Amino acid sequence: MDEILMSLIAQDENILVRRNELIGKLDEKVPANLRRDYAAIRTALELNVGEIFAAGNYDRDSARFKALKVLSSSGLSEQRIDFVIKTFSRVLGWDKYSDDLDKEFRQLIARVKKLEDEVSALNTKLKELESKTAENFSATETVPSRKKNSKPKDAEPPENFVVYIPAPSKPKNFDFLDKYNALLKMAGREKVFARSKFIKSYVAKAFDCKNFETRMTEPTTPPIFKTLNSIFSGAYWAILLTGNQYAVLPNVDSYVYTENRHKAQAMGEVFNSNFNGGTKKITSAKLPAAFECEGDVWTLKAKGELVLS
């Protein structure tokens, strides 16, 4: 398997970012006795893992980590995931894949899952408090009663008097944007820990375009966005503003921006950008997209804006 991949990459070092072409050549070249191993490699390529490795030469640990996350949500067993990451590492001539690093990554995944559960519990508690506050407000903020002789007649409110209720406070400023853009510039362990802190501070939910496979062949099909249980693997991060209104940004680890993300995964419909084909990177977000969430269904209200390079 290694020799076949090495041969194709030696002929064209950019073939890793041309997923369909690479899969087509491997389909032709891989013999029957390697088909079981190839099945895992093919699945990884379909999930854009090849592009992650192609873009990760200057931060190899981060690339392995991204690949590990993507493959962990694919249904592949841990043994197959380990095989895929080690194969790409060997083929690209990277440093020997470290079992200690693999263990550390899995521990980080467990920690992020724990943080997601804590955030979910806090959100539930917050909704309970908001509900109680609304009940108390309704019970106390009523039109003043008009008791006889309690005030001079000319001091009584007119018949069309309406109690003044202050307008709700404005949604918080997008203070998370600077921190998000800073995350895009980080790498390695620094980014992993900063990302966990960002999720704990801001990210309420995550979702994906659930019909992306249909949109790969029928790109005019309207995207359907559905909530994911794992913030860790969601393509879109949702930051609560007020009620059911959210500011939405791409998952900070999905900064490789491809034709697949732009069209099939609907990022081109969620964000304005300077994308003109090929493989780009998200270098900053100028504005988050605005979404409304009802249950686990997400509706786009206004597009955001990304800067790619």
C-alpha atoms as a PDB file:
ATOM      1  CA  MET A   1       0.000   0.000   0.000  1.00  0.00           C
ATOM      2  CA  ASP A   2       2.823   2.372   0.938  1.00  0.00           C
ATOM      3  CA  GLU A   3       4.719   1.790  -2.313  1.00  0.00           C
ATOM      4  CA  ILE A   4       1.660   2.460  -4.479  1.00  0.00           C
ATOM      5  CA  LEU A   5       0.875   5.721  -2.702  1.00  0.00           C
ATOM      6  CA  MET A   6       4.533   6.801  -2.738  1.00  0.00           C
ATOM      7  CA  SER A   7       4.732   6.141  -6.470  1.00  0.00           C
ATOM      8  CA  LEU A   8       1.654   8.283  -7.219  1.00  0.00           C
ATOM      9  CA  ILE A   9       2.818  11.130  -4.979  1.00  0.00           C
ATOM     10  CA  ALA A  10       6.329  10.998  -6.479  1.00  0.00           C
ATOM     11  CA  GLN A  11       4.784  11.499  -9.933  1.00  0.00           C
ATOM     12  CA  ASP A  12       2.579  14.379  -8.759  1.00  0.00           C
ATOM     13  CA  GLU A  13       3.044  15.796  -5.240  1.00  0.00           C
ATOM     14  CA  ASN A  14      -0.280  17.686  -5.448  1.00  0.00           C
ATOM     15  CA  ILE A  15      -2.398  14.617  -6.144  1.00  0.00           C
ATOM     16  CA  LEU A  16      -3.388  14.375  -2.458  1.00  0.00           C
ATOM     17  CA  VAL A  17      -5.600  17.463  -2.875  1.00  0.00           C
ATOM     18  CA  ARG A  18      -7.300  15.983  -5.951  1.00  0.00           C
ATOM     19  CA  ARG A  19      -9.264  13.348  -4.125  1.00  0.00           C
ATOM     20  CA  ASN A  20     -11.306  11.871  -6.972  1.00  0.00           C
ATOM     21  CA  GLU A  21      -8.302  11.554  -9.288  1.00  0.00           C
ATOM     22  CA  LEU A  22      -6.223   9.845  -6.589  1.00  0.00           C
ATOM     23  CA  ILE A  23      -9.028   7.426  -5.708  1.00  0.00           C
ATOM     24  CA  GLY A  24      -9.468   6.575  -9.382  1.00  0.00           C
ATOM     25  CA  LYS A  25      -5.785   5.714  -9.801  1.00  0.00           C
ATOM     26  CA  LEU A  26      -5.701   3.677  -6.592  1.00  0.00           C
ATOM     27  CA  ASP A  27      -8.803   1.764  -7.687  1.00  0.00           C
ATOM     28  CA  GLU A  28      -6.841   0.695 -10.762  1.00  0.00           C
ATOM     29  CA  LYS A  29      -3.508  -0.063  -9.084  1.00  0.00           C
ATOM     30  CA  VAL A  30      -4.335  -1.681  -5.721  1.00  0.00           C
ATOM     31  CA  PRO A  31      -4.252  -5.510  -6.057  1.00  0.00           C
ATOM     32  CA  ALA A  32      -6.882  -7.814  -4.558  1.00  0.00           C
ATOM     33  CA  ASN A  33      -4.718  -8.861  -1.601  1.00  0.00           C
ATOM     34  CA  LEU A  34      -4.484  -5.219  -0.407  1.00  0.00           C
ATOM     35  CA  ARG A  35      -8.147  -4.344  -0.869  1.00  0.00           C
ATOM     36  CA  ARG A  36      -8.981  -4.611   2.837  1.00  0.00           C
ATOM     37  CA  ASP A  37      -6.271  -2.115   3.782  1.00  0.00           C
ATOM     38  CA  TYR A  38      -7.176   0.048   0.816  1.00  0.00           C
ATOM     39  CA  ALA A  39     -10.809   0.237   1.966  1.00  0.00           C
ATOM     40  CA  ALA A  40      -9.705   2.219   5.029  1.00  0.00           C
ATOM     41  CA  ILE A  41      -7.422   4.471   2.951  1.00  0.00           C
ATOM     42  CA  ARG A  42     -10.232   5.083   0.455  1.00  0.00           C
ATOM     43  CA  THR A  43     -12.664   6.034   3.229  1.00  0.00           C
ATOM     44  CA  ALA A  44     -10.095   8.476   4.603  1.00  0.00           C
ATOM     45  CA  LEU A  45      -9.578  10.069   1.179  1.00  0.00           C
ATOM     46  CA  GLU A  46     -13.345  10.459   0.726  1.00  0.00           C
ATOM     47  CA  LEU A  47     -13.343  12.374   4.033  1.00  0.00           C
ATOM     48  CA  ASN A  48     -10.633  14.763   2.749  1.00  0.00           C
ATOM     49  CA  VAL A  49      -7.943  13.332   5.017  1.00  0.00           C
ATOM     50  CA  GLY A  50      -5.540  13.473   2.069  1.00  0.00           C
ATOM     51  CA  GLU A  51      -5.999  17.251   1.908  1.00  0.00           C
ATOM     52  CA  ILE A  52      -5.374  17.543   5.654  1.00  0.00           C
ATOM     53  CA  PHE A  53      -2.026  15.773   5.287  1.00  0.00           C
ATOM     54  CA  ALA A  54      -1.167  17.720   2.121  1.00  0.00           C
ATOM     55  CA  ALA A  55      -1.652  21.021   3.949  1.00  0.00           C
ATOM     56  CA  GLY A  56       0.002  19.900   7.184  1.00  0.00           C
ATOM     57  CA  ASN A  57       3.683  19.583   6.321  1.00  0.00           C
ATOM     58  CA  TYR A  58       4.640  22.582   8.463  1.00  0.00           C
ATOM     59  CA  ASP A  59       2.599  21.409  11.439  1.00  0.00           C
ATOM     60  CA  ARG A  60       2.567  17.640  11.295  1.00  0.00           C
ATOM     61  CA  ASP A  61       1.234  17.003  14.784  1.00  0.00           C
ATOM     62  CA  SER A  62      -1.722  19.283  14.123  1.00  0.00           C
ATOM     63  CA  ALA A  63      -2.434  17.522  10.796  1.00  0.00           C
ATOM     64  CA  ARG A  64      -2.400  14.109  12.475  1.00  0.00           C
ATOM     65  CA  PHE A  65      -4.712  15.448  15.147  1.00  0.00           C
ATOM     66  CA  LYS A  66      -7.190  16.794  12.574  1.00  0.00           C
ATOM     67  CA  ALA A  67      -7.112  13.492  10.692  1.00  0.00           C
ATOM     68  CA  LEU A  68      -7.690  11.594  13.928  1.00  0.00           C
ATOM     69  CA  LYS A  69     -10.778  13.717  14.696  1.00  0.00           C
ATOM     70  CA  VAL A  70     -12.269  13.273  11.235  1.00  0.00           C
ATOM     71  CA  LEU A  71     -11.688   9.527  11.210  1.00  0.00           C
ATOM     72  CA  SER A  72     -13.013   9.091  14.761  1.00  0.00           C
ATOM     73  CA  SER A  73     -16.456  10.191  13.564  1.00  0.00           C
ATOM     74  CA  SER A  74     -16.344   8.036  10.406  1.00  0.00           C
ATOM     75  CA  GLY A  75     -17.169   4.656  11.931  1.00  0.00           C
ATOM     76  CA  LEU A  76     -13.698   3.200  11.352  1.00  0.00           C
ATOM     77  CA  SER A  77     -12.275   1.157  14.207  1.00  0.00           C
ATOM     78  CA  GLU A  78      -9.358   2.493  16.244  1.00  0.00           C
ATOM     79  CA  GLN A  79      -7.095  -0.086  14.600  1.00  0.00           C
ATOM     80  CA  ARG A  80      -8.060   1.077  11.107  1.00  0.00           C
ATOM     81  CA  ILE A  81      -7.698   4.750  12.088  1.00  0.00           C
ATOM     82  CA  ASP A  82      -4.229   4.050  13.460  1.00  0.00           C
ATOM     83  CA  PHE A  83      -3.318   2.234  10.234  1.00  0.00           C
ATOM     84  CA  VAL A  84      -4.484   5.145   8.056  1.00  0.00           C
ATOM     85  CA  ILE A  85      -2.573   7.825   9.989  1.00  0.00           C
ATOM     86  CA  LYS A  86       0.617   5.763  10.144  1.00  0.00           C
ATOM     87  CA  THR A  87       0.388   4.990   6.422  1.00  0.00           C
ATOM     88  CA  PHE A  88       0.109   8.655   5.409  1.00  0.00           C
ATOM     89  CA  SER A  89       2.896   9.594   7.840  1.00  0.00           C
ATOM     90  CA  ARG A  90       5.241   6.979   6.347  1.00  0.00           C
ATOM     91  CA  VAL A  91       4.337   7.799   2.751  1.00  0.00           C
ATOM     92  CA  LEU A  92       5.039  11.509   3.267  1.00  0.00           C
ATOM     93  CA  GLY A  93       8.336  10.791   5.024  1.00  0.00           C
ATOM     94  CA  TRP A  94       7.270  12.438   8.245  1.00  0.00           C
ATOM     95  CA  ASP A  95       8.765  11.630  11.633  1.00  0.00           C
ATOM     96  CA  LYS A  96       7.819   8.255  13.040  1.00  0.00           C
ATOM     97  CA  TYR A  97       4.229   8.253  14.260  1.00  0.00           C
ATOM     98  CA  SER A  98       4.294   8.356  18.041  1.00  0.00           C
ATOM     99  CA  ASP A  99       2.119   6.049  20.138  1.00  0.00           C
ATOM    100  CA  ASP A 100       2.523   8.531  22.990  1.00  0.00           C
ATOM    101  CA  LEU A 101       1.178  11.304  20.756  1.00  0.00           C
ATOM    102  CA  ASP A 102      -1.732   9.093  19.745  1.00  0.00           C
ATOM    103  CA  LYS A 103      -2.526   8.493  23.415  1.00  0.00           C
ATOM    104  CA  GLU A 104      -2.307  12.207  24.140  1.00  0.00           C
ATOM    105  CA  PHE A 105      -4.686  13.046  21.285  1.00  0.00           C
ATOM    106  CA  ARG A 106      -7.239  10.526  22.513  1.00  0.00           C
ATOM    107  CA  GLN A 107      -7.006  11.966  26.013  1.00  0.00           C
ATOM    108  CA  LEU A 108      -7.665  15.413  24.557  1.00  0.00           C
ATOM    109  CA  ILE A 109     -10.705  14.077  22.713  1.00  0.00           C
ATOM    110  CA  ALA A 110     -12.045  12.701  26.001  1.00  0.00           C
ATOM    111  CA  ARG A 111     -11.416  16.045  27.720  1.00  0.00           C
ATOM    112  CA  VAL A 112     -13.237  17.993  24.998  1.00  0.00           C
ATOM    113  CA  LYS A 113     -16.190  15.571  25.223  1.00  0.00           C
ATOM    114  CA  LYS A 114     -16.316  16.197  28.978  1.00  0.00           C
ATOM    115  CA  LEU A 115     -16.301  19.968  28.342  1.00  0.00           C
ATOM    116  CA  GLU A 116     -19.153  19.576  25.856  1.00  0.00           C
ATOM    117  CA  ASP A 117     -21.216  17.740  28.479  1.00  0.00           C
ATOM    118  CA  GLU A 118     -20.479  20.483  31.038  1.00  0.00           C
ATOM    119  CA  VAL A 119     -21.507  23.204  28.561  1.00  0.00           C
ATOM    120  CA  SER A 120     -24.724  21.316  27.789  1.00  0.00           C
ATOM    121  CA  ALA A 121     -25.546  21.054  31.512  1.00  0.00           C
ATOM    122  CA  LEU A 122     -24.844  24.774  32.011  1.00  0.00           C
ATOM    123  CA  ASN A 123     -27.094  25.684  29.057  1.00  0.00           C
ATOM    124  CA  THR A 124     -29.914  23.612  30.567  1.00  0.00           C
ATOM    125  CA  LYS A 125     -29.467  25.350  33.912  1.00  0.00           C
ATOM    126  CA  LEU A 126     -29.405  28.768  32.204  1.00  0.00           C
ATOM    127  CA  LYS A 127     -32.700  28.069  30.439  1.00  0.00           C
ATOM    128  CA  GLU A 128     -34.285  27.093  33.750  1.00  0.00           C
ATOM    129  CA  LEU A 129     -33.110  30.354  35.344  1.00  0.00           C
ATOM    130  CA  GLU A 130     -34.356  32.387  32.363  1.00  0.00           C
ATOM    131  CA  SER A 131     -37.756  30.719  32.638  1.00  0.00           C
ATOM    132  CA  LYS A 132     -38.015  31.489  36.382  1.00  0.00           C
ATOM    133  CA  THR A 133     -36.921  35.090  35.769  1.00  0.00           C
ATOM    134  CA  ALA A 134     -39.622  35.528  33.121  1.00  0.00           C
ATOM    135  CA  GLU A 135     -42.265  34.176  35.532  1.00  0.00           C
ATOM    136  CA  ASN A 136     -41.155  36.549  38.277  1.00  0.00           C
ATOM    137  CA  PHE A 137     -41.190  39.467  35.864  1.00  0.00           C
ATOM    138  CA  SER A 138     -44.736  38.666  34.774  1.00  0.00           C
ATOM    139  CA  ALA A 139     -45.876  38.496  38.386  1.00  0.00           C
ATOM    140  CA  THR A 140     -44.361  41.822  39.448  1.00  0.00           C
ATOM    141  CA  GLU A 141     -44.464  44.133  36.418  1.00  0.00           C
ATOM    142  CA  THR A 142     -48.198  44.942  36.186  1.00  0.00           C
ATOM    143  CA  VAL A 143     -50.147  48.097  35.570  1.00  0.00           C
ATOM    144  CA  PRO A 144     -50.469  50.047  38.859  1.00  0.00           C
ATOM    145  CA  SER A 145     -53.949  49.693  40.360  1.00  0.00           C
ATOM    146  CA  ARG A 146     -56.085  52.797  40.796  1.00  0.00           C
ATOM    147  CA  LYS A 147     -57.138  52.897  44.424  1.00  0.00           C
ATOM    148  CA  LYS A 148     -59.797  55.489  45.288  1.00  0.00           C
ATOM    149  CA  ASN A 149     -58.427  58.638  46.828  1.00  0.00           C
ATOM    150  CA  SER A 150     -54.870  57.248  46.714  1.00  0.00           C
ATOM    151  CA  LYS A 151     -53.839  60.067  44.370  1.00  0.00           C
ATOM    152  CA  PRO A 152     -55.312  63.365  43.269  1.00  0.00           C
ATOM    153  CA  LYS A 153     -57.552  62.940  40.252  1.00  0.00           C
ATOM    154  CA  ASP A 154     -55.250  64.880  37.949  1.00  0.00           C
ATOM    155  CA  ALA A 155     -52.376  62.558  38.899  1.00  0.00           C
ATOM    156  CA  GLU A 156     -54.121  59.405  37.671  1.00  0.00           C
ATOM    157  CA  PRO A 157     -52.740  57.914  34.415  1.00  0.00           C
ATOM    158  CA  PRO A 158     -54.832  58.396  31.287  1.00  0.00           C
ATOM    159  CA  GLU A 159     -57.112  55.614  30.072  1.00  0.00           C
ATOM    160  CA  ASN A 160     -54.660  54.596  27.314  1.00  0.00           C
ATOM    161  CA  PHE A 161     -51.702  54.439  29.707  1.00  0.00           C
ATOM    162  CA  VAL A 162     -49.207  51.643  28.878  1.00  0.00           C
ATOM    163  CA  VAL A 163     -46.641  50.439  31.377  1.00  0.00           C
ATOM    164  CA  TYR A 164     -43.114  51.197  30.220  1.00  0.00           C
ATOM    165  CA  ILE A 165     -41.022  48.043  29.792  1.00  0.00           C
ATOM    166  CA  PRO A 166     -37.356  48.622  28.885  1.00  0.00           C
ATOM    167  CA  ALA A 167     -36.179  47.163  25.588  1.00  0.00           C
ATOM    168  CA  PRO A 168     -34.109  43.992  25.969  1.00  0.00           C
ATOM    169  CA  SER A 169     -30.397  44.558  26.148  1.00  0.00           C
ATOM    170  CA  LYS A 170     -28.530  44.385  22.870  1.00  0.00           C
ATOM    171  CA  PRO A 171     -26.795  41.097  22.010  1.00  0.00           C
ATOM    172  CA  LYS A 172     -23.248  41.023  23.271  1.00  0.00           C
ATOM    173  CA  ASN A 173     -20.619  42.369  20.905  1.00  0.00           C
ATOM    174  CA  PHE A 174     -18.794  39.891  18.752  1.00  0.00           C
ATOM    175  CA  ASP A 175     -15.854  39.860  21.151  1.00  0.00           C
ATOM    176  CA  PHE A 176     -15.273  36.212  20.238  1.00  0.00           C
ATOM    177  CA  LEU A 177     -14.157  37.122  16.702  1.00  0.00           C
ATOM    178  CA  ASP A 178     -10.688  38.309  17.724  1.00  0.00           C
ATOM    179  CA  LYS A 179     -10.150  35.164  19.776  1.00  0.00           C
ATOM    180  CA  TYR A 180     -11.445  32.985  16.943  1.00  0.00           C
ATOM    181  CA  ASN A 181      -9.121  34.627  14.422  1.00  0.00           C
ATOM    182  CA  ALA A 182      -6.227  34.198  16.839  1.00  0.00           C
ATOM    183  CA  LEU A 183      -7.022  30.460  16.990  1.00  0.00           C
ATOM    184  CA  LEU A 184      -6.713  30.223  13.207  1.00  0.00           C
ATOM    185  CA  LYS A 185      -3.093  31.364  13.492  1.00  0.00           C
ATOM    186  CA  MET A 186      -2.135  28.869  16.211  1.00  0.00           C
ATOM    187  CA  ALA A 187      -0.754  25.372  15.795  1.00  0.00           C
ATOM    188  CA  GLY A 188       0.090  22.253  17.787  1.00  0.00           C
ATOM    189  CA  ARG A 189      -0.601  21.971  21.494  1.00  0.00           C
ATOM    190  CA  GLU A 190      -1.059  25.719  21.921  1.00  0.00           C
ATOM    191  CA  LYS A 191      -4.018  25.562  19.555  1.00  0.00           C
ATOM    192  CA  VAL A 192      -5.485  22.439  21.169  1.00  0.00           C
ATOM    193  CA  PHE A 193      -5.644  24.008  24.619  1.00  0.00           C
ATOM    194  CA  ALA A 194      -6.764  27.439  23.349  1.00  0.00           C
ATOM    195  CA  ARG A 195      -9.485  25.712  21.330  1.00  0.00           C
ATOM    196  CA  SER A 196     -10.799  23.926  24.437  1.00  0.00           C
ATOM    197  CA  LYS A 197     -10.914  27.239  26.297  1.00  0.00           C
ATOM    198  CA  PHE A 198     -12.747  28.913  23.387  1.00  0.00           C
ATOM    199  CA  ILE A 199     -15.345  26.126  23.259  1.00  0.00           C
ATOM    200  CA  LYS A 200     -15.956  26.358  27.002  1.00  0.00           C
ATOM    201  CA  SER A 201     -16.330  30.148  26.843  1.00  0.00           C
ATOM    202  CA  TYR A 202     -18.418  30.574  23.699  1.00  0.00           C
ATOM    203  CA  VAL A 203     -19.535  27.535  21.672  1.00  0.00           C
ATOM    204  CA  ALA A 204     -23.052  26.414  22.608  1.00  0.00           C
ATOM    205  CA  LYS A 205     -23.806  23.936  19.822  1.00  0.00           C
ATOM    206  CA  ALA A 206     -22.425  22.454  16.604  1.00  0.00           C
ATOM    207  CA  PHE A 207     -24.093  21.305  13.389  1.00  0.00           C
ATOM    208  CA  ASP A 208     -23.399  19.969   9.909  1.00  0.00           C
ATOM    209  CA  CYS A 209     -24.935  19.970   6.465  1.00  0.00           C
ATOM    210  CA  LYS A 210     -26.594  16.548   6.755  1.00  0.00           C
ATOM    211  CA  ASN A 211     -27.386  16.086   3.067  1.00  0.00           C
ATOM    212  CA  PHE A 212     -23.870  16.884   1.810  1.00  0.00           C
ATOM    213  CA  GLU A 213     -23.630  13.509   0.017  1.00  0.00           C
ATOM    214  CA  THR A 214     -26.708  14.331  -2.063  1.00  0.00           C
ATOM    215  CA  ARG A 215     -25.345  17.822  -2.780  1.00  0.00           C
ATOM    216  CA  MET A 216     -22.091  16.315  -4.108  1.00  0.00           C
ATOM    217  CA  THR A 217     -24.004  15.094  -7.174  1.00  0.00           C
ATOM    218  CA  GLU A 218     -26.916  17.551  -6.999  1.00  0.00           C
ATOM    219  CA  PRO A 219     -25.402  20.856  -5.776  1.00  0.00           C
ATOM    220  CA  THR A 220     -28.652  22.800  -6.288  1.00  0.00           C
ATOM    221  CA  THR A 221     -30.365  20.741  -3.569  1.00  0.00           C
ATOM    222  CA  PRO A 222     -31.081  23.097  -0.619  1.00  0.00           C
ATOM    223  CA  PRO A 223     -28.807  22.331   2.337  1.00  0.00           C
ATOM    224  CA  ILE A 224     -30.293  20.789   5.476  1.00  0.00           C
ATOM    225  CA  PHE A 225     -28.492  21.740   8.671  1.00  0.00           C
ATOM    226  CA  LYS A 226     -28.914  19.494  11.713  1.00  0.00           C
ATOM    227  CA  THR A 227     -27.441  19.590  15.230  1.00  0.00           C
ATOM    228  CA  LEU A 228     -24.573  17.258  16.125  1.00  0.00           C
ATOM    229  CA  ASN A 229     -24.061  15.854  19.612  1.00  0.00           C
ATOM    230  CA  SER A 230     -20.322  16.492  19.374  1.00  0.00           C
ATOM    231  CA  ILE A 231     -19.060  20.072  19.219  1.00  0.00           C
ATOM    232  CA  PHE A 232     -15.671  18.521  18.631  1.00  0.00           C
ATOM    233  CA  SER A 233     -16.553  17.195  15.153  1.00  0.00           C
ATOM    234  CA  GLY A 234     -19.174  19.681  13.914  1.00  0.00           C
ATOM    235  CA  ALA A 235     -18.307  21.627  10.743  1.00  0.00           C
ATOM    236  CA  TYR A 236     -20.158  24.678  12.082  1.00  0.00           C
ATOM    237  CA  TRP A 237     -19.876  26.199  15.556  1.00  0.00           C
ATOM    238  CA  ALA A 238     -22.875  28.091  16.968  1.00  0.00           C
ATOM    239  CA  ILE A 239     -22.410  30.848  19.560  1.00  0.00           C
ATOM    240  CA  LEU A 240     -25.583  31.818  21.411  1.00  0.00           C
ATOM    241  CA  LEU A 241     -26.575  35.474  21.122  1.00  0.00           C
ATOM    242  CA  THR A 242     -30.120  35.596  22.490  1.00  0.00           C
ATOM    243  CA  GLY A 243     -33.143  33.289  22.525  1.00  0.00           C
ATOM    244  CA  ASN A 244     -32.751  30.968  19.537  1.00  0.00           C
ATOM    245  CA  GLN A 245     -30.444  33.323  17.600  1.00  0.00           C
ATOM    246  CA  TYR A 246     -26.855  32.224  17.033  1.00  0.00           C
ATOM    247  CA  ALA A 247     -23.655  33.563  15.498  1.00  0.00           C
ATOM    248  CA  VAL A 248     -22.060  30.801  13.417  1.00  0.00           C
ATOM    249  CA  LEU A 249     -18.433  30.202  12.360  1.00  0.00           C
ATOM    250  CA  PRO A 250     -16.596  27.222  10.828  1.00  0.00           C
ATOM    251  CA  ASN A 251     -15.056  24.757  13.274  1.00  0.00           C
ATOM    252  CA  VAL A 252     -11.597  26.262  13.838  1.00  0.00           C
ATOM    253  CA  ASP A 253      -9.878  22.975  12.970  1.00  0.00           C
ATOM    254  CA  SER A 254     -11.573  22.803   9.577  1.00  0.00           C
ATOM    255  CA  TYR A 255      -9.556  25.691   8.195  1.00  0.00           C
ATOM    256  CA  VAL A 256      -8.688  23.852   4.946  1.00  0.00           C
ATOM    257  CA  TYR A 257     -11.305  25.185   2.520  1.00  0.00           C
ATOM    258  CA  THR A 258     -12.009  23.066  -0.567  1.00  0.00           C
ATOM    259  CA  GLU A 259     -14.533  22.787  -3.381  1.00  0.00           C
ATOM    260  CA  ASN A 260     -16.257  20.100  -1.324  1.00  0.00           C
ATOM    261  CA  ARG A 261     -16.692  22.393   1.690  1.00  0.00           C
ATOM    262  CA  HIS A 262     -17.740  25.303  -0.525  1.00  0.00           C
ATOM    263  CA  LYS A 263     -20.443  23.417  -2.418  1.00  0.00           C
ATOM    264  CA  ALA A 264     -21.430  20.051  -0.918  1.00  0.00           C
ATOM    265  CA  GLN A 265     -21.102  21.193   2.702  1.00  0.00           C
ATOM    266  CA  ALA A 266     -22.760  24.537   1.855  1.00  0.00           C
ATOM    267  CA  MET A 267     -20.116  26.904   3.243  1.00  0.00           C
ATOM    268  CA  GLY A 268     -20.435  28.921   0.048  1.00  0.00           C
ATOM    269  CA  GLU A 269     -24.096  29.488   0.906  1.00  0.00           C
ATOM    270  CA  VAL A 270     -23.382  30.320   4.543  1.00  0.00           C
ATOM    271  CA  PHE A 271     -20.386  32.634   4.029  1.00  0.00           C
ATOM    272  CA  ASN A 272     -19.275  35.151   1.432  1.00  0.00           C
ATOM    273  CA  SER A 273     -15.581  34.673   0.637  1.00  0.00           C
ATOM    274  CA  ASN A 274     -12.912  35.096  -2.011  1.00  0.00           C
ATOM    275  CA  PHE A 275     -13.010  31.397  -2.945  1.00  0.00           C
ATOM    276  CA  ASN A 276     -12.282  30.783  -6.645  1.00  0.00           C
ATOM    277  CA  GLY A 277     -11.488  27.068  -6.651  1.00  0.00           C
ATOM    278  CA  GLY A 278      -8.608  24.878  -5.513  1.00  0.00           C
ATOM    279  CA  THR A 279      -7.555  24.359  -1.913  1.00  0.00           C
ATOM    280  CA  LYS A 280      -7.495  27.391   0.362  1.00  0.00           C
ATOM    281  CA  LYS A 281      -7.160  28.121   4.059  1.00  0.00           C
ATOM    282  CA  ILE A 282      -9.484  30.177   6.237  1.00  0.00           C
ATOM    283  CA  THR A 283      -7.195  32.934   7.498  1.00  0.00           C
ATOM    284  CA  SER A 284      -9.821  35.055   9.257  1.00  0.00           C
ATOM    285  CA  ALA A 285     -13.534  35.597   9.755  1.00  0.00           C
ATOM    286  CA  LYS A 286     -14.800  39.133   9.189  1.00  0.00           C
ATOM    287  CA  LEU A 287     -18.362  38.379  10.210  1.00  0.00           C
ATOM    288  CA  PRO A 288     -20.183  35.311  11.584  1.00  0.00           C
ATOM    289  CA  ALA A 289     -23.268  33.993   9.829  1.00  0.00           C
ATOM    290  CA  ALA A 290     -26.619  34.446  11.585  1.00  0.00           C
ATOM    291  CA  PHE A 291     -28.738  31.338  12.199  1.00  0.00           C
ATOM    292  CA  GLU A 292     -31.982  30.562  13.978  1.00  0.00           C
ATOM    293  CA  CYS A 293     -32.358  27.180  15.701  1.00  0.00           C
ATOM    294  CA  GLU A 294     -35.623  25.360  16.337  1.00  0.00           C
ATOM    295  CA  GLY A 295     -35.104  21.950  17.939  1.00  0.00           C
ATOM    296  CA  ASP A 296     -32.225  20.490  15.954  1.00  0.00           C
ATOM    297  CA  VAL A 297     -33.036  22.338  12.693  1.00  0.00           C
ATOM    298  CA  TRP A 298     -30.946  25.379  11.711  1.00  0.00           C
ATOM    299  CA  THR A 299     -32.142  28.146   9.394  1.00  0.00           C
ATOM    300  CA  LEU A 300     -29.745  30.642   7.813  1.00  0.00           C
ATOM    301  CA  LYS A 301     -30.822  34.262   8.371  1.00  0.00           C
ATOM    302  CA  ALA A 302     -27.771  36.195   7.134  1.00  0.00           C
ATOM    303  CA  LYS A 303     -24.489  35.205   5.507  1.00  0.00           C
ATOM    304  CA  GLY A 304     -21.151  35.738   7.230  1.00  0.00           C
ATOM    305  CA  GLU A 305     -17.839  36.582   5.591  1.00  0.00           C
ATOM    306  CA  LEU A 306     -14.535  34.657   5.484  1.00  0.00           C
ATOM    307  CA  VAL A 307     -11.100  35.580   4.174  1.00  0.00           C
ATOM    308  CA  LEU A 308      -9.238  32.766   2.399  1.00  0.00           C
ATOM    309  CA  SER A 309      -5.659  32.485   1.212  1.00  0.00           C
END
